[in-house]
Each structure stands twice: as structure tokens, then as C-alpha cells.
Amino acid sequence: MNWQEQVDNYCERLGPGLLAEPLNLVSNLAFLLAAALVWRRTRPDGLARALALILFIIGLGSLAFHGFAQRWAALADVPPILAFILVYIYAATTRYLHQTWWLGLVVTLAFIPFAMLLGRGMAALFGPLNGSVSYLPVLAMILAYAALLARKAPATARGLAIGAGILALSLTFRTLDAPLCVAVPIGLHFMWHILNAIMLGWMILVLLRHPRLAPLAR
């Protein structure tokens, strides 16, 4: 595999070079800003602080990918996103559902095959959705936690539902980037960055606001 092969997946890309996707590049600053805004609130919460750090790395990785747009840069873009998802699932399982650390680890690891199977099923039904289909399992997971918490922790459930709504909107922009490229030559992918940064920062705040010492009523 040629790791320096150019990747042209987005409507805005005008050609090779660091500034060929100006809006997609600059909009990644939203991730860095979101991480900085939540960072001070995360102390002394180790999991939330780890999520804020990963959010910052997501911004750097996406900056590299949309700047260089080469295959090697995808390695800086995708793993931090997966890391955020897995850490959040662990936090949601152990804190929102008050499960043990080992069960949290099991659920976190189980998400990977779950996401692969659901993603394949969704792709068979709806197609790749311009690459957005791989994020639908994340949306389903957030909604599942919101449903489980609806009666026991309604404030947290509402927060998760809001996060799911922001994610759904951001995925809409991501999906329509290619189909609407002729009508919107600058593309819509930059809105995915902005809304996704807001959503990830919001999800960290939801975690911080959840009462840690209040067990779920049985």
C-alpha cells in the first residue's frame, strides 16, 4: 500500500496540497476549542479528563487528514475517534448503569463486533451513506443508554438524547457532502466537524453532570 497516496473523499478538495480543503481544515479548530472549554471542568474526574484529551487529539488528527489528505494521515484521524467512543461506553456503563469495571470492559469490547454487524446491516439497507453508515451504531448506542436511563436518571437521559440529536444532524451534513456537491461546491463536511465537536464536548458535560453517588433505583 502506498501510504502517500492522495485521498479525495470530500467535495471541497480542490487538488493536492495543505490548503486544498480550507473549510474542512479550519473547522477542525472546533474540536480543539471544545476540548479546551471542557478541560478545566474535568478535574479531578479521570475519565472525563481522558475524554477531553482524546477530543483534542481528534482535532489534531483530523487537521492532519484534511491537510495532507494521504493514506497515512487516516491513521491519525480514525483511531482517536474510536478511542473516544470506547472510553465513553466504558464510562456510560460503569457510571450511568452503575456496573462493575469488568462488566464495563466487556460491554466496551462487545461494541466492536456489535458495530461491525449493525454497520453491515445498515449498509445493506441504505448503502454506505457517504461513509456515515459506520457511525450509526454509535447513534444507536447513545439512544439505548438514553432509553435505559429515561426513568431512573431523566436529566442524564435528556442529555444523551440531545447528544444523539446533534450527532444525527451532523451525520446528515456528512452524508450530503457528496450528493449536494454540485449545488454546494464548498461541500458540507465542515459542518460535520463543527457539530461533531459540539456533540463530543456536550457528551463530556453530560458525564460530568451525572450524579456519581446516586445508584439507580431497582
Protein backbone atom coordinates (compact mmCIF):
# COMPACT_ATOMS: atom_id res chain seq x y z
CA MET A 1 0.00 0.00 0.00
CA ASN A 2 1.19 3.47 -0.91
CA TRP A 3 0.82 5.44 2.34
CA GLN A 4 1.41 8.71 0.50
CA GLU A 5 -1.41 8.10 -1.97
CA GLN A 6 -3.74 11.10 -2.18
CA VAL A 7 -7.23 10.68 -0.71
CA ASP A 8 -10.03 12.66 -2.36
CA ASN A 9 -13.18 11.81 -0.40
CA TYR A 10 -14.68 15.25 0.10
CA CYS A 11 -16.49 17.73 -2.08
CA GLU A 12 -14.37 20.71 -1.05
CA ARG A 13 -11.00 19.21 -2.02
CA LEU A 14 -9.63 21.29 -4.87
CA GLY A 15 -6.47 19.26 -5.52
CA PRO A 16 -3.27 18.27 -3.70
CA GLY A 17 -1.78 20.44 -1.00
CA LEU A 18 -2.35 21.53 2.59
CA LEU A 19 -4.91 24.20 1.73
CA ALA A 20 -6.99 22.23 -0.76
CA GLU A 21 -9.78 21.83 1.83
CA PRO A 22 -9.75 25.22 3.60
CA LEU A 23 -13.12 24.94 5.37
CA ASN A 24 -12.63 21.29 6.28
CA LEU A 25 -9.19 22.18 7.64
CA VAL A 26 -10.12 25.27 9.67
CA SER A 27 -13.33 23.76 11.05
CA ASN A 28 -11.22 21.22 12.94
CA LEU A 29 -10.36 24.04 15.32
CA ALA A 30 -13.84 23.41 16.76
CA PHE A 31 -12.54 20.14 18.26
CA LEU A 32 -9.60 21.92 19.88
CA LEU A 33 -11.85 24.67 21.22
CA ALA A 34 -14.39 22.20 22.60
CA ALA A 35 -11.62 20.24 24.32
CA ALA A 36 -10.19 23.41 25.85
CA LEU A 37 -13.60 24.55 27.11
CA VAL A 38 -14.38 21.29 28.91
CA TRP A 39 -10.82 20.58 30.12
CA ARG A 40 -10.96 22.79 33.21
CA ARG A 41 -14.29 21.28 34.25
CA THR A 42 -12.98 17.72 34.14
CA ARG A 43 -10.63 17.97 37.13
CA PRO A 44 -10.44 15.71 39.17
CA ASP A 45 -12.55 13.34 37.02
CA GLY A 46 -10.05 11.00 35.37
CA LEU A 47 -12.40 9.52 32.75
CA ALA A 48 -13.80 12.88 31.72
CA ARG A 49 -10.29 14.33 31.55
CA ALA A 50 -9.20 11.42 29.33
CA LEU A 51 -12.16 12.11 27.03
CA ALA A 52 -11.24 15.80 26.82
CA LEU A 53 -7.67 14.88 25.91
CA ILE A 54 -8.88 12.43 23.25
CA LEU A 55 -11.19 15.14 21.87
CA PHE A 56 -8.15 17.41 21.45
CA ILE A 57 -6.28 14.60 19.67
CA ILE A 58 -9.29 14.06 17.39
CA GLY A 59 -8.91 17.66 16.27
CA LEU A 60 -5.20 17.25 15.59
CA GLY A 61 -5.75 14.00 13.71
CA SER A 62 -8.50 15.47 11.57
CA LEU A 63 -6.32 18.52 10.87
CA ALA A 64 -3.61 16.20 9.58
CA PHE A 65 -6.02 14.19 7.46
CA HIS A 66 -7.74 17.14 5.81
CA GLY A 67 -4.46 18.96 5.39
CA PHE A 68 -2.29 16.23 3.89
CA ALA A 69 -5.17 14.02 2.64
CA GLN A 70 -2.92 10.99 2.33
CA ARG A 71 -3.48 7.41 3.49
CA TRP A 72 -1.02 7.68 6.38
CA ALA A 73 -2.97 10.65 7.76
CA ALA A 74 -6.06 8.45 8.12
CA LEU A 75 -4.17 6.67 10.91
CA ALA A 76 -4.12 9.96 12.79
CA ASP A 77 -7.81 10.59 12.10
CA VAL A 78 -9.71 7.36 12.79
CA PRO A 79 -8.14 5.76 15.93
CA PRO A 80 -8.78 8.76 18.23
CA ILE A 81 -12.46 8.74 17.24
CA LEU A 82 -12.70 5.04 18.08
CA ALA A 83 -10.87 5.66 21.35
CA PHE A 84 -13.39 8.33 22.38
CA ILE A 85 -16.30 6.00 21.59
CA LEU A 86 -14.87 3.10 23.58
CA VAL A 87 -13.87 5.19 26.60
CA TYR A 88 -17.32 6.78 26.68
CA ILE A 89 -19.07 3.42 26.50
CA TYR A 90 -16.99 2.24 29.46
CA ALA A 91 -17.84 5.40 31.39
CA ALA A 92 -21.53 5.13 30.50
CA THR A 93 -21.73 1.50 31.57
CA THR A 94 -19.92 1.92 34.87
CA ARG A 95 -21.39 5.30 35.87
CA TYR A 96 -24.80 5.62 34.25
CA LEU A 97 -25.73 1.98 34.80
CA HIS A 98 -23.57 1.51 37.94
CA GLN A 99 -21.93 -1.67 36.67
CA THR A 100 -18.58 -3.11 37.74
CA TRP A 101 -15.37 -2.21 35.93
CA TRP A 102 -15.05 -5.66 34.40
CA LEU A 103 -18.61 -5.61 33.03
CA GLY A 104 -17.91 -2.15 31.69
CA LEU A 105 -14.88 -3.58 29.92
CA VAL A 106 -16.93 -6.46 28.48
CA VAL A 107 -19.61 -4.10 27.14
CA THR A 108 -16.95 -1.83 25.68
CA LEU A 109 -15.22 -4.66 23.84
CA ALA A 110 -18.56 -6.11 22.73
CA PHE A 111 -19.35 -2.83 21.00
CA ILE A 112 -16.78 -3.57 18.29
CA PRO A 113 -18.48 -6.69 16.86
CA PHE A 114 -21.89 -5.07 17.51
CA ALA A 115 -20.88 -2.04 15.45
CA MET A 116 -19.50 -4.20 12.65
CA LEU A 117 -22.66 -6.31 12.40
CA LEU A 118 -25.07 -3.40 12.67
CA GLY A 119 -23.00 -1.33 10.27
CA ARG A 120 -23.09 -4.11 7.68
CA GLY A 121 -26.83 -4.49 8.11
CA MET A 122 -27.41 -0.76 7.76
CA ALA A 123 -25.13 -0.62 4.72
CA ALA A 124 -27.13 -3.42 3.11
CA LEU A 125 -30.34 -1.47 3.68
CA PHE A 126 -29.27 2.09 2.99
CA GLY A 127 -25.88 1.86 1.28
CA PRO A 128 -22.66 3.43 2.60
CA LEU A 129 -24.27 6.88 3.08
CA ASN A 130 -21.02 8.52 2.01
CA GLY A 131 -19.20 6.73 4.83
CA SER A 132 -21.65 7.80 7.53
CA VAL A 133 -23.17 4.34 7.96
CA SER A 134 -20.27 3.32 10.21
CA TYR A 135 -21.41 5.91 12.77
CA LEU A 136 -25.00 4.65 13.01
CA PRO A 137 -24.12 2.05 15.69
CA VAL A 138 -22.81 4.91 17.84
CA LEU A 139 -26.11 6.74 17.43
CA ALA A 140 -27.99 3.55 18.33
CA MET A 141 -25.82 3.05 21.42
CA ILE A 142 -26.44 6.58 22.70
CA LEU A 143 -30.18 6.19 22.23
CA ALA A 144 -30.08 2.82 24.01
CA TYR A 145 -28.42 4.35 27.08
CA ALA A 146 -30.91 7.23 26.99
CA ALA A 147 -33.80 4.75 26.95
CA LEU A 148 -32.34 2.76 29.85
CA LEU A 149 -31.95 5.93 31.92
CA ALA A 150 -35.26 7.58 30.99
CA ARG A 151 -36.98 6.75 34.30
CA LYS A 152 -34.02 6.34 36.64
CA ALA A 153 -31.93 9.36 35.61
CA PRO A 154 -34.10 11.57 33.37
CA ALA A 155 -31.69 14.51 33.29
CA THR A 156 -28.88 12.32 32.01
CA ALA A 157 -31.26 10.63 29.56
CA ARG A 158 -32.27 14.02 28.16
CA GLY A 159 -28.63 14.99 27.85
CA LEU A 160 -27.87 11.82 25.92
CA ALA A 161 -30.91 12.33 23.69
CA ILE A 162 -29.71 15.85 22.89
CA GLY A 163 -26.29 14.43 22.06
CA ALA A 164 -27.92 11.87 19.77
CA GLY A 165 -29.87 14.62 18.04
CA ILE A 166 -26.73 16.67 17.41
CA LEU A 167 -24.98 13.57 16.09
CA ALA A 168 -27.89 12.79 13.76
CA LEU A 169 -27.77 16.34 12.38
CA SER A 170 -24.00 16.21 11.93
CA LEU A 171 -24.28 12.86 10.15
CA THR A 172 -26.85 14.40 7.80
CA PHE A 173 -24.33 17.04 6.72
CA ARG A 174 -21.62 14.40 6.38
CA THR A 175 -23.85 12.19 4.25
CA LEU A 176 -24.99 15.01 1.94
CA ASP A 177 -21.47 16.32 1.28
CA ALA A 178 -21.05 14.33 -1.95
CA PRO A 179 -24.67 14.24 -3.24
CA LEU A 180 -25.01 18.04 -2.97
CA CYS A 181 -21.52 18.82 -4.23
CA VAL A 182 -22.76 20.37 -7.47
CA ALA A 183 -25.25 22.60 -5.66
CA VAL A 184 -22.87 23.42 -2.78
CA PRO A 185 -19.32 23.42 -4.24
CA ILE A 186 -17.71 24.22 -0.87
CA GLY A 187 -19.17 20.99 0.49
CA LEU A 188 -20.90 20.29 3.78
CA HIS A 189 -18.28 18.21 5.56
CA PHE A 190 -17.09 21.19 7.60
CA MET A 191 -20.49 21.22 9.34
CA TRP A 192 -19.83 17.63 10.42
CA HIS A 193 -16.69 18.87 12.16
CA ILE A 194 -18.40 21.78 13.91
CA LEU A 195 -21.49 19.86 15.05
CA ASN A 196 -19.47 16.79 16.00
CA ALA A 197 -17.16 18.91 18.14
CA ILE A 198 -20.19 20.39 19.89
CA MET A 199 -21.67 16.92 20.38
CA LEU A 200 -18.50 15.39 21.82
CA GLY A 201 -17.97 18.29 24.19
CA TRP A 202 -21.62 18.06 25.22
CA MET A 203 -21.33 14.34 25.91
CA ILE A 204 -18.42 15.01 28.27
CA LEU A 205 -20.54 17.57 30.13
CA VAL A 206 -23.39 15.06 30.41
CA LEU A 207 -20.97 12.63 32.02
CA LEU A 208 -19.72 15.29 34.44
CA ARG A 209 -23.25 16.30 35.45
CA HIS A 210 -24.46 12.79 36.14
CA PRO A 211 -24.73 12.16 39.90
CA ARG A 212 -21.94 9.70 40.61
CA LEU A 213 -23.13 8.57 44.04
CA ALA A 214 -26.82 8.11 43.29
CA PRO A 215 -27.48 4.43 42.45
CA LEU A 216 -30.27 3.51 40.08
CA ALA A 217 -33.48 2.55 41.85
CA ARG A 218 -34.40 -1.08 41.36
